[in-house]
Amino acid sequence: MDLLNLPIAIDNSILNRKDVFPSPPWVVEILIENANITPGCLCLEPSAGTGNLALELQNFGAIVEVIEPIPELQLVLTLQNLLVIGSDFLTTPHLDCKYDRIIQNPPFSLQISHTIKAYKCLKPGGRLVSLCSSSPWQHNSNLDKYFRNWLKTVGAQAIDLPYGLFVNSVRYTDVDCHLIIIERT
């Protein structure tokens, strides 16, 4: 769906909010290529934004549920026939061990807590594919150290992504990113 033709406007006041970085097509492609989506699998997009990633998951035949904190974007998601099941991923109940796939571009300021919670929401055999800024590898706070150790414990792959993923997107940032892939055992 063309976001410019929706009955509500997504203006810069929404897009310029902290941590709002809609997934451009090339980021969606990277995430989905690594998700191994099969028709009928149950997927969650925990911070769905404008719906770019969730809609593409549907195109691959997934059953998609989304969570989004911004009310205007919840409306956009609903108008695109996406099932909005909550407004705060970290507090939405009854998600543990539910999903075949979780594919996310989480808010960078919450990426660690979102990634750990997302892992808990996977069924055994499920797969998490997440974008993550390089911050946890560049800093040594207790949380960053914990996260790096946790990633090793769960057998995560952390893949460096090319520089500039969001340089030519709707919302510019030059943050370096990693792709995290985790299979739940």
Protein backbone atom coordinates (compact mmCIF):
# COMPACT_ATOMS: atom_id res chain seq x y z
CA MET A 1 0.00 0.00 0.00
CA ASP A 2 1.29 3.44 -0.88
CA LEU A 3 1.62 5.29 2.40
CA LEU A 4 1.02 8.59 0.64
CA ASN A 5 -2.49 7.45 -0.33
CA LEU A 6 -3.63 6.45 3.14
CA PRO A 7 -6.50 8.43 4.68
CA ILE A 8 -4.19 9.68 7.43
CA ALA A 9 -0.93 11.48 6.95
CA ILE A 10 2.36 10.14 8.20
CA ASP A 11 4.14 13.41 8.67
CA ASN A 12 7.62 14.29 9.81
CA SER A 13 6.46 14.71 13.41
CA ILE A 14 5.86 10.94 13.45
CA LEU A 15 8.83 9.90 11.34
CA ASN A 16 11.21 12.12 13.30
CA ARG A 17 10.36 10.64 16.69
CA LYS A 18 13.15 8.99 18.62
CA ASP A 19 13.85 5.47 17.38
CA VAL A 20 11.53 5.62 14.34
CA PHE A 21 13.57 4.28 11.42
CA PRO A 22 11.18 2.64 8.91
CA SER A 23 12.74 -0.36 7.19
CA PRO A 24 13.59 0.57 3.59
CA PRO A 25 13.12 -2.12 0.91
CA TRP A 26 16.77 -3.22 0.97
CA VAL A 27 16.66 -3.77 4.77
CA VAL A 28 13.37 -5.68 4.47
CA GLU A 29 15.03 -7.87 1.83
CA ILE A 30 18.02 -8.66 4.08
CA LEU A 31 15.79 -9.55 7.02
CA ILE A 32 13.40 -11.73 5.01
CA GLU A 33 16.17 -13.51 3.07
CA ASN A 34 17.52 -14.73 6.40
CA ALA A 35 14.18 -15.65 7.99
CA ASN A 36 13.38 -18.80 5.97
CA ILE A 37 9.68 -17.91 5.80
CA THR A 38 7.34 -20.76 4.89
CA PRO A 39 3.67 -20.29 3.99
CA GLY A 40 1.48 -20.47 7.08
CA CYS A 41 4.21 -19.84 9.62
CA LEU A 42 3.23 -17.52 12.47
CA CYS A 43 5.39 -14.38 12.51
CA LEU A 44 5.66 -11.41 14.84
CA GLU A 45 6.98 -7.96 13.97
CA PRO A 46 7.36 -6.37 17.44
CA SER A 47 7.81 -2.73 16.41
CA ALA A 48 6.07 -2.62 13.07
CA GLY A 49 6.25 1.08 12.24
CA THR A 50 4.72 1.73 8.82
CA GLY A 51 4.32 -1.98 8.07
CA ASN A 52 6.97 -2.39 5.36
CA LEU A 53 8.41 -5.57 6.86
CA ALA A 54 5.09 -7.08 8.00
CA LEU A 55 3.49 -6.61 4.58
CA GLU A 56 6.39 -8.34 2.86
CA LEU A 57 6.14 -11.22 5.33
CA GLN A 58 2.48 -11.58 4.30
CA ASN A 59 3.56 -11.62 0.65
CA PHE A 60 5.65 -14.69 1.50
CA GLY A 61 2.57 -16.42 2.94
CA ALA A 62 3.24 -15.85 6.64
CA ILE A 63 0.50 -15.23 9.19
CA VAL A 64 1.64 -11.93 10.69
CA GLU A 65 0.91 -10.26 14.02
CA VAL A 66 2.32 -6.82 14.80
CA ILE A 67 2.92 -4.59 17.79
CA GLU A 68 3.43 -0.82 17.49
CA PRO A 69 3.62 1.87 20.21
CA ILE A 70 2.69 4.93 18.10
CA PRO A 71 -1.12 5.29 17.77
CA GLU A 72 -0.97 6.91 14.33
CA LEU A 73 1.15 4.04 13.04
CA GLN A 74 -1.20 1.50 14.67
CA LEU A 75 -3.95 3.01 12.51
CA VAL A 76 -1.76 2.79 9.41
CA LEU A 77 -1.08 -0.88 10.16
CA THR A 78 -4.78 -1.59 10.71
CA LEU A 79 -5.68 0.16 7.44
CA GLN A 80 -3.23 -2.19 5.72
CA ASN A 81 -5.12 -5.19 7.17
CA LEU A 82 -2.36 -6.08 9.62
CA LEU A 83 -3.35 -7.55 12.99
CA VAL A 84 -2.17 -5.19 15.74
CA ILE A 85 -2.02 -7.19 18.98
CA GLY A 86 -0.39 -4.65 21.30
CA SER A 87 1.27 -1.31 21.78
CA ASP A 88 4.33 -2.23 23.85
CA PHE A 89 6.25 -5.36 22.96
CA LEU A 90 8.00 -5.55 26.32
CA THR A 91 4.72 -5.63 28.28
CA THR A 92 2.35 -7.43 25.88
CA PRO A 93 1.32 -10.65 27.68
CA HIS A 94 0.97 -14.23 26.43
CA LEU A 95 3.67 -14.19 23.76
CA ASP A 96 6.11 -16.77 25.16
CA CYS A 97 6.88 -19.78 22.95
CA LYS A 98 4.26 -18.74 20.39
CA TYR A 99 5.99 -17.76 17.12
CA ASP A 100 7.70 -19.65 14.32
CA ARG A 101 9.54 -16.49 13.24
CA ILE A 102 10.19 -13.08 14.72
CA ILE A 103 11.64 -10.56 12.32
CA GLN A 104 12.44 -7.14 13.70
CA ASN A 105 14.04 -3.78 13.22
CA PRO A 106 13.72 -2.79 16.89
CA PRO A 107 14.13 0.70 18.32
CA PHE A 108 17.89 1.07 18.76
CA SER A 109 17.47 2.32 22.34
CA LEU A 110 15.55 -0.88 23.22
CA GLN A 111 17.30 -3.34 20.91
CA ILE A 112 18.81 -5.48 23.66
CA SER A 113 15.59 -5.92 25.65
CA HIS A 114 13.60 -6.45 22.43
CA THR A 115 16.02 -9.12 21.21
CA ILE A 116 16.03 -11.04 24.48
CA LYS A 117 12.22 -10.90 24.77
CA ALA A 118 11.83 -11.88 21.10
CA TYR A 119 13.90 -15.00 21.72
CA LYS A 120 11.55 -15.98 24.58
CA CYS A 121 8.57 -15.57 22.24
CA LEU A 122 9.86 -18.17 19.77
CA LYS A 123 8.59 -21.74 19.69
CA PRO A 124 11.32 -24.38 19.93
CA GLY A 125 12.78 -24.53 16.43
CA GLY A 126 11.73 -20.93 15.77
CA ARG A 127 14.01 -18.32 14.26
CA LEU A 128 14.71 -14.71 15.26
CA VAL A 129 16.13 -12.36 12.65
CA SER A 130 16.90 -8.92 14.04
CA LEU A 131 18.61 -5.76 12.99
CA CYS A 132 20.88 -4.40 15.72
CA SER A 133 23.10 -1.35 15.87
CA SER A 134 26.76 -2.06 16.47
CA SER A 135 26.60 -0.27 19.84
CA PRO A 136 26.74 -3.47 21.96
CA TRP A 137 30.03 -4.38 20.26
CA GLN A 138 31.49 -0.88 20.56
CA HIS A 139 30.83 -0.31 24.27
CA ASN A 140 31.55 -2.18 27.46
CA SER A 141 28.71 -1.31 29.81
CA ASN A 142 27.48 -4.17 31.96
CA LEU A 143 24.42 -4.45 29.71
CA ASP A 144 26.54 -4.60 26.54
CA LYS A 145 28.77 -7.29 28.07
CA TYR A 146 25.73 -9.24 29.25
CA PHE A 147 24.16 -9.05 25.79
CA ARG A 148 27.29 -10.24 23.99
CA ASN A 149 27.59 -13.15 26.42
CA TRP A 150 23.88 -13.96 26.06
CA LEU A 151 24.24 -14.02 22.26
CA LYS A 152 27.03 -16.59 22.61
CA THR A 153 25.00 -18.65 25.08
CA VAL A 154 22.03 -18.92 22.68
CA GLY A 155 24.28 -19.63 19.68
CA ALA A 156 23.47 -16.43 17.83
CA GLN A 157 25.10 -15.39 14.59
CA ALA A 158 25.97 -11.69 14.50
CA ILE A 159 26.77 -10.59 10.96
CA ASP A 160 28.26 -7.20 10.09
CA LEU A 161 26.08 -5.42 7.55
CA PRO A 162 27.33 -2.95 4.94
CA TYR A 163 27.69 0.65 6.03
CA GLY A 164 24.87 3.02 5.21
CA LEU A 165 21.74 0.87 5.47
CA PHE A 166 19.65 3.91 6.37
CA VAL A 167 21.63 6.65 4.60
CA ASN A 168 19.19 6.84 1.66
CA SER A 169 16.02 5.90 3.53
CA VAL A 170 13.00 7.92 4.68
CA ARG A 171 14.82 8.56 7.97
CA TYR A 172 18.58 9.07 7.71
CA THR A 173 21.05 7.55 10.12
CA ASP A 174 24.59 6.38 9.50
CA VAL A 175 24.56 3.88 12.36
CA ASP A 176 26.53 0.70 11.65
CA CYS A 177 24.33 -2.38 11.96
CA HIS A 178 24.55 -6.11 12.53
CA LEU A 179 22.13 -8.83 11.59
CA ILE A 180 21.40 -11.20 14.47
CA ILE A 181 20.08 -14.67 13.68
CA ILE A 182 19.09 -17.06 16.47
CA GLU A 183 17.47 -20.49 16.30
CA ARG A 184 15.54 -21.38 19.46
CA THR A 185 16.38 -24.84 20.73
